PDB file of N, CA and C in Angstrom:
ATOM      1  N   MET A   1       0.790  -0.988  -0.036  1.00  0.00           N
ATOM      2  CA  MET A   1       0.035  -0.053   0.092  1.00  0.00           C
ATOM      3  C   MET A   1       0.818   1.222   0.023  1.00  0.00           C
ATOM      4  N   ILE A   2       0.619   2.075  -0.903  1.00  0.00           N
ATOM      5  CA  ILE A   2       1.257   3.325  -0.988  1.00  0.00           C
ATOM      6  C   ILE A   2       0.537   4.318  -0.533  1.00  0.00           C
ATOM      7  N   ASP A   3      -0.668   4.692  -0.847  1.00  0.00           N
ATOM      8  CA  ASP A   3      -1.524   5.752  -0.455  1.00  0.00           C
ATOM      9  C   ASP A   3      -2.875   5.194   0.252  1.00  0.00           C
ATOM     10  N   VAL A   4      -2.465   5.270   1.613  1.00  0.00           N
ATOM     11  CA  VAL A   4      -3.825   4.682   2.446  1.00  0.00           C
ATOM     12  C   VAL A   4      -5.014   5.481   2.214  1.00  0.00           C
ATOM     13  N   ALA A   5      -5.202   6.567   1.831  1.00  0.00           N
ATOM     14  CA  ALA A   5      -6.461   7.389   1.643  1.00  0.00           C
ATOM     15  C   ALA A   5      -7.119   6.969   0.383  1.00  0.00           C
ATOM     16  N   LYS A   6      -6.540   6.247  -0.548  1.00  0.00           N
ATOM     17  CA  LYS A   6      -7.066   5.644  -2.029  1.00  0.00           C
ATOM     18  C   LYS A   6      -7.303   4.372  -1.577  1.00  0.00           C
ATOM     19  N   SER A   7      -7.183   3.762  -0.585  1.00  0.00           N
ATOM     20  CA  SER A   7      -7.410   2.012  -0.308  1.00  0.00           C
ATOM     21  C   SER A   7      -9.054   2.171   0.052  1.00  0.00           C
ATOM     22  N   PRO A   8      -9.446   1.005  -0.322  1.00  0.00           N
ATOM     23  CA  PRO A   8     -11.024   0.757   0.073  1.00  0.00           C
ATOM     24  C   PRO A   8     -11.065   0.129   1.604  1.00  0.00           C
ATOM     25  N   ALA A   9      -9.979  -0.341   1.980  1.00  0.00           N
ATOM     26  CA  ALA A   9      -9.905  -1.017   3.201  1.00  0.00           C
ATOM     27  C   ALA A   9      -8.859  -0.247   4.095  1.00  0.00           C
ATOM     28  N   ILE A  10      -9.048  -0.566   5.414  1.00  0.00           N
ATOM     29  CA  ILE A  10      -7.957   0.088   6.417  1.00  0.00           C
ATOM     30  C   ILE A  10      -6.872  -0.606   6.147  1.00  0.00           C
ATOM     31  N   GLY A  11      -5.561   0.048   6.422  1.00  0.00           N
ATOM     32  CA  GLY A  11      -4.304  -0.510   6.363  1.00  0.00           C
ATOM     33  C   GLY A  11      -3.165   0.428   6.694  1.00  0.00           C
ATOM     34  N   SER A  12      -1.851   0.108   6.336  1.00  0.00           N
ATOM     35  CA  SER A  12      -0.660   0.961   6.693  1.00  0.00           C
ATOM     36  C   SER A  12       0.185   1.061   5.408  1.00  0.00           C
ATOM     37  N   PRO A  13       0.756   2.065   5.601  1.00  0.00           N
ATOM     38  CA  PRO A  13       1.808   2.347   4.407  1.00  0.00           C
ATOM     39  C   PRO A  13       2.710   1.205   4.404  1.00  0.00           C
ATOM     40  N   GLY A  14       3.244   0.584   3.349  1.00  0.00           N
ATOM     41  CA  GLY A  14       4.217  -0.446   3.223  1.00  0.00           C
ATOM     42  C   GLY A  14       3.551  -1.767   3.426  1.00  0.00           C
ATOM     43  N   GLN A  15       2.307  -1.964   3.684  1.00  0.00           N
ATOM     44  CA  GLN A  15       1.525  -3.118   3.574  1.00  0.00           C
ATOM     45  C   GLN A  15       1.502  -3.860   2.417  1.00  0.00           C
ATOM     46  N   PHE A  16       1.584  -5.140   2.395  1.00  0.00           N
ATOM     47  CA  PHE A  16       1.626  -5.741   0.963  1.00  0.00           C
ATOM     48  C   PHE A  16       0.891  -7.172   1.069  1.00  0.00           C
ATOM     49  N   GLY A  17       0.440  -7.770  -0.068  1.00  0.00           N
ATOM     50  CA  GLY A  17       0.019  -8.990  -0.141  1.00  0.00           C
ATOM     51  C   GLY A  17      -0.409  -9.513  -1.253  1.00  0.00           C
ATOM     52  N   TRP A  18      -1.228 -10.532  -1.567  1.00  0.00           N
ATOM     53  CA  TRP A  18      -1.533 -11.073  -2.876  1.00  0.00           C
ATOM     54  C   TRP A  18      -2.775 -11.997  -2.746  1.00  0.00           C
ATOM     55  N   TYR A  19      -3.456 -11.962  -3.886  1.00  0.00           N
ATOM     56  CA  TYR A  19      -4.823 -12.571  -3.826  1.00  0.00           C
ATOM     57  C   TYR A  19      -4.494 -14.069  -4.751  1.00  0.00           C
ATOM     58  N   GLY A  20      -5.249 -15.128  -4.276  1.00  0.00           N
ATOM     59  CA  GLY A  20      -5.010 -16.369  -4.982  1.00  0.00           C
ATOM     60  C   GLY A  20      -6.299 -16.915  -5.678  1.00  0.00           C
ATOM     61  N   ALA A  21      -6.519 -17.882  -6.049  1.00  0.00           N
ATOM     62  CA  ALA A  21      -7.695 -18.533  -6.618  1.00  0.00           C
ATOM     63  C   ALA A  21      -8.654 -18.941  -5.380  1.00  0.00           C
ATOM     64  N   ALA A  22      -9.993 -18.926  -5.884  1.00  0.00           N
ATOM     65  CA  ALA A  22     -11.111 -19.512  -4.956  1.00  0.00           C
ATOM     66  C   ALA A  22     -11.368 -18.335  -3.635  1.00  0.00           C
ATOM     67  N   THR A  23     -10.646 -17.134  -3.818  1.00  0.00           N
ATOM     68  CA  THR A  23     -10.868 -16.201  -2.701  1.00  0.00           C
ATOM     69  C   THR A  23     -10.083 -16.516  -1.575  1.00  0.00           C
ATOM     70  N   THR A  24      -8.769 -16.546  -2.069  1.00  0.00           N
ATOM     71  CA  THR A  24      -7.613 -16.692  -1.037  1.00  0.00           C
ATOM     72  C   THR A  24      -6.989 -15.570  -0.833  1.00  0.00           C
ATOM     73  N   TYR A  25      -6.418 -15.163   0.185  1.00  0.00           N
ATOM     74  CA  TYR A  25      -5.614 -13.673   0.187  1.00  0.00           C
ATOM     75  C   TYR A  25      -4.619 -13.829   1.593  1.00  0.00           C
ATOM     76  N   CYS A  26      -3.370 -13.109   1.318  1.00  0.00           N
ATOM     77  CA  CYS A  26      -2.569 -12.960   2.160  1.00  0.00           C
ATOM     78  C   CYS A  26      -2.098 -11.661   2.396  1.00  0.00           C
ATOM     79  N   GLN A  27      -1.863 -11.047   3.564  1.00  0.00           N
ATOM     80  CA  GLN A  27      -1.621  -9.735   3.665  1.00  0.00           C
ATOM     81  C   GLN A  27      -0.644  -9.605   4.744  1.00  0.00           C
ATOM     82  N   ILE A  28       0.432  -8.780   4.613  1.00  0.00           N
ATOM     83  CA  ILE A  28       1.622  -8.541   5.628  1.00  0.00           C
ATOM     84  C   ILE A  28       1.778  -7.123   5.653  1.00  0.00           C
ATOM     85  N   ASP A  29       1.760  -6.734   6.979  1.00  0.00           N
ATOM     86  CA  ASP A  29       2.056  -5.427   7.348  1.00  0.00           C
ATOM     87  C   ASP A  29       2.982  -5.350   8.397  1.00  0.00           C
ATOM     88  N   PRO A  30       4.087  -4.886   7.891  1.00  0.00           N
ATOM     89  CA  PRO A  30       5.490  -4.823   8.801  1.00  0.00           C
ATOM     90  C   PRO A  30       5.122  -3.901   9.834  1.00  0.00           C
ATOM     91  N   GLN A  31       4.431  -2.724   9.610  1.00  0.00           N
ATOM     92  CA  GLN A  31       4.423  -1.705  10.456  1.00  0.00           C
ATOM     93  C   GLN A  31       3.588  -2.088  11.749  1.00  0.00           C
ATOM     94  N   GLU A  32       2.511  -2.872  11.528  1.00  0.00           N
ATOM     95  CA  GLU A  32       1.741  -3.544  12.631  1.00  0.00           C
ATOM     96  C   GLU A  32       2.184  -4.802  12.997  1.00  0.00           C
ATOM     97  N   ASP A  33       3.333  -5.490  12.598  1.00  0.00           N
ATOM     98  CA  ASP A  33       3.720  -6.808  12.864  1.00  0.00           C
ATOM     99  C   ASP A  33       2.616  -7.730  12.905  1.00  0.00           C
ATOM    100  N   LEU A  34       2.128  -7.593  11.548  1.00  0.00           N
ATOM    101  CA  LEU A  34       0.803  -8.375  11.153  1.00  0.00           C
ATOM    102  C   LEU A  34       0.678  -9.189  10.111  1.00  0.00           C
ATOM    103  N   VAL A  35       0.385 -10.294  10.152  1.00  0.00           N
ATOM    104  CA  VAL A  35       0.340 -11.454   8.933  1.00  0.00           C
ATOM    105  C   VAL A  35      -1.225 -11.846   9.057  1.00  0.00           C
ATOM    106  N   ALA A  36      -2.002 -11.633   7.914  1.00  0.00           N
ATOM    107  CA  ALA A  36      -3.410 -12.256   7.796  1.00  0.00           C
ATOM    108  C   ALA A  36      -3.474 -13.081   6.692  1.00  0.00           C
ATOM    109  N   MET A  37      -4.336 -14.078   6.930  1.00  0.00           N
ATOM    110  CA  MET A  37      -4.734 -14.943   5.717  1.00  0.00           C
ATOM    111  C   MET A  37      -6.171 -15.447   5.772  1.00  0.00           C
ATOM    112  N   ALA A  38      -6.801 -15.099   4.551  1.00  0.00           N
ATOM    113  CA  ALA A  38      -8.173 -15.585   4.294  1.00  0.00           C
ATOM    114  C   ALA A  38      -8.203 -16.647   3.380  1.00  0.00           C
ATOM    115  N   LEU A  39      -8.820 -17.912   3.726  1.00  0.00           N
ATOM    116  CA  LEU A  39      -8.749 -19.005   2.872  1.00  0.00           C
ATOM    117  C   LEU A  39     -10.359 -19.522   2.729  1.00  0.00           C
ATOM    118  N   PHE A  40     -10.964 -18.876   1.735  1.00  0.00           N
ATOM    119  CA  PHE A  40     -12.273 -19.249   1.402  1.00  0.00           C
ATOM    120  C   PHE A  40     -12.183 -20.202  -0.038  1.00  0.00           C
ATOM    121  N   GLN A  41     -13.139 -20.900  -0.079  1.00  0.00           N
ATOM    122  CA  GLN A  41     -13.419 -21.662  -1.111  1.00  0.00           C
ATOM    123  C   GLN A  41     -14.608 -21.189  -1.910  1.00  0.00           C
ATOM    124  N   HIS A  42     -14.451 -20.086  -2.711  1.00  0.00           N
ATOM    125  CA  HIS A  42     -15.621 -19.632  -3.349  1.00  0.00           C
ATOM    126  C   HIS A  42     -15.356 -18.933  -4.686  1.00  0.00           C
ATOM    127  N   PHE A  43     -16.199 -19.249  -5.593  1.00  0.00           N
ATOM    128  CA  PHE A  43     -15.950 -18.643  -7.025  1.00  0.00           C
ATOM    129  C   PHE A  43     -17.402 -17.865  -7.240  1.00  0.00           C
ATOM    130  N   PRO A  44     -17.466 -16.982  -7.784  1.00  0.00           N
ATOM    131  CA  PRO A  44     -16.349 -15.956  -8.397  1.00  0.00           C
ATOM    132  C   PRO A  44     -15.645 -15.409  -7.191  1.00  0.00           C
ATOM    133  N   MET A  45     -14.373 -15.113  -7.470  1.00  0.00           N
ATOM    134  CA  MET A  45     -13.274 -14.645  -6.471  1.00  0.00           C
ATOM    135  C   MET A  45     -13.907 -13.211  -5.746  1.00  0.00           C
ATOM    136  N   ASP A  46     -14.062 -13.167  -4.537  1.00  0.00           N
ATOM    137  CA  ASP A  46     -14.348 -12.034  -3.670  1.00  0.00           C
ATOM    138  C   ASP A  46     -15.653 -11.447  -4.159  1.00  0.00           C
ATOM    139  N   GLU A  47     -16.609 -12.368  -4.578  1.00  0.00           N
ATOM    140  CA  GLU A  47     -17.982 -11.762  -4.753  1.00  0.00           C
ATOM    141  C   GLU A  47     -18.518 -10.908  -3.845  1.00  0.00           C
ATOM    142  N   PRO A  48     -18.688 -11.289  -2.528  1.00  0.00           N
ATOM    143  CA  PRO A  48     -19.287 -10.686  -1.385  1.00  0.00           C
ATOM    144  C   PRO A  48     -18.419  -9.461  -0.821  1.00  0.00           C
ATOM    145  N   LYS A  49     -17.502  -9.158  -1.431  1.00  0.00           N
ATOM    146  CA  LYS A  49     -16.160  -8.246  -0.888  1.00  0.00           C
ATOM    147  C   LYS A  49     -15.724  -8.546   0.313  1.00  0.00           C
ATOM    148  N   VAL A  50     -15.376  -9.931   0.484  1.00  0.00           N
ATOM    149  CA  VAL A  50     -14.971 -10.376   1.816  1.00  0.00           C
ATOM    150  C   VAL A  50     -13.684  -9.893   2.230  1.00  0.00           C
ATOM    151  N   PHE A  51     -12.914  -9.631   1.288  1.00  0.00           N
ATOM    152  CA  PHE A  51     -11.480  -9.123   1.870  1.00  0.00           C
ATOM    153  C   PHE A  51     -11.412  -7.813   2.422  1.00  0.00           C
ATOM    154  N   LYS A  52     -12.516  -6.818   1.903  1.00  0.00           N
ATOM    155  CA  LYS A  52     -12.538  -5.472   2.556  1.00  0.00           C
ATOM    156  C   LYS A  52     -12.909  -5.695   3.959  1.00  0.00           C
ATOM    157  N   CYS A  53     -13.973  -6.517   4.127  1.00  0.00           N
ATOM    158  CA  CYS A  53     -14.547  -6.703   5.576  1.00  0.00           C
ATOM    159  C   CYS A  53     -13.769  -7.412   6.393  1.00  0.00           C
ATOM    160  N   PHE A  54     -12.850  -8.373   5.682  1.00  0.00           N
ATOM    161  CA  PHE A  54     -11.800  -9.190   6.607  1.00  0.00           C
ATOM    162  C   PHE A  54     -10.732  -8.226   7.203  1.00  0.00           C
ATOM    163  N   ALA A  55     -10.180  -7.370   6.278  1.00  0.00           N
ATOM    164  CA  ALA A  55      -9.144  -6.372   6.803  1.00  0.00           C
ATOM    165  C   ALA A  55      -9.731  -5.372   7.644  1.00  0.00           C
ATOM    166  N   ASN A  56     -10.860  -4.794   7.314  1.00  0.00           N
ATOM    167  CA  ASN A  56     -11.397  -3.625   8.311  1.00  0.00           C
ATOM    168  C   ASN A  56     -11.441  -4.157   9.647  1.00  0.00           C
ATOM    169  N   GLY A  57     -12.082  -5.419   9.638  1.00  0.00           N
ATOM    170  CA  GLY A  57     -12.245  -6.104  10.931  1.00  0.00           C
ATOM    171  C   GLY A  57     -10.938  -6.303  11.902  1.00  0.00           C
ATOM    172  N   TYR A  58      -9.995  -6.831  11.300  1.00  0.00           N
ATOM    173  CA  TYR A  58      -8.859  -6.971  12.098  1.00  0.00           C
ATOM    174  C   TYR A  58      -8.045  -5.548  12.530  1.00  0.00           C
ATOM    175  N   TYR A  59      -7.968  -4.547  11.303  1.00  0.00           N
ATOM    176  CA  TYR A  59      -7.435  -3.319  11.846  1.00  0.00           C
ATOM    177  C   TYR A  59      -8.363  -2.527  12.947  1.00  0.00           C
ATOM    178  N   THR A  60      -9.620  -2.856  12.773  1.00  0.00           N
ATOM    179  CA  THR A  60     -10.581  -2.265  13.911  1.00  0.00           C
ATOM    180  C   THR A  60     -10.280  -2.987  15.276  1.00  0.00           C
ATOM    181  N   GLY A  61      -9.778  -4.141  15.272  1.00  0.00           N
ATOM    182  CA  GLY A  61      -9.355  -4.729  16.451  1.00  0.00           C
ATOM    183  C   GLY A  61      -8.195  -4.224  17.003  1.00  0.00           C
ATOM    184  N   LEU A  62      -7.220  -4.083  16.177  1.00  0.00           N
ATOM    185  CA  LEU A  62      -5.972  -3.463  16.545  1.00  0.00           C
ATOM    186  C   LEU A  62      -6.211  -2.083  17.120  1.00  0.00           C
ATOM    187  N   ALA A  63      -7.117  -1.284  16.745  1.00  0.00           N
ATOM    188  CA  ALA A  63      -7.321   0.141  17.187  1.00  0.00           C
ATOM    189  C   ALA A  63      -7.984  -0.110  18.652  1.00  0.00           C
ATOM    190  N   ASN A  64      -8.638  -1.105  19.070  1.00  0.00           N
ATOM    191  CA  ASN A  64      -9.212  -1.080  20.391  1.00  0.00           C
ATOM    192  C   ASN A  64      -8.253  -1.461  21.465  1.00  0.00           C
TER     193      ASN A  64
END
């Protein structure tokens, strides 16, 4: 992530990750010392926008 303001989900500058088949996702955030993985088996990929909900959920938890 380069520009946090343009991201659809909460995050930190320098965060990175990748998407895989069947709605799988890995995110690494060195600033927060965080690794998160979502392993769903669903096509079409990310249909219910689960990645955004997933990321916003754990970043909200970190803030509390």
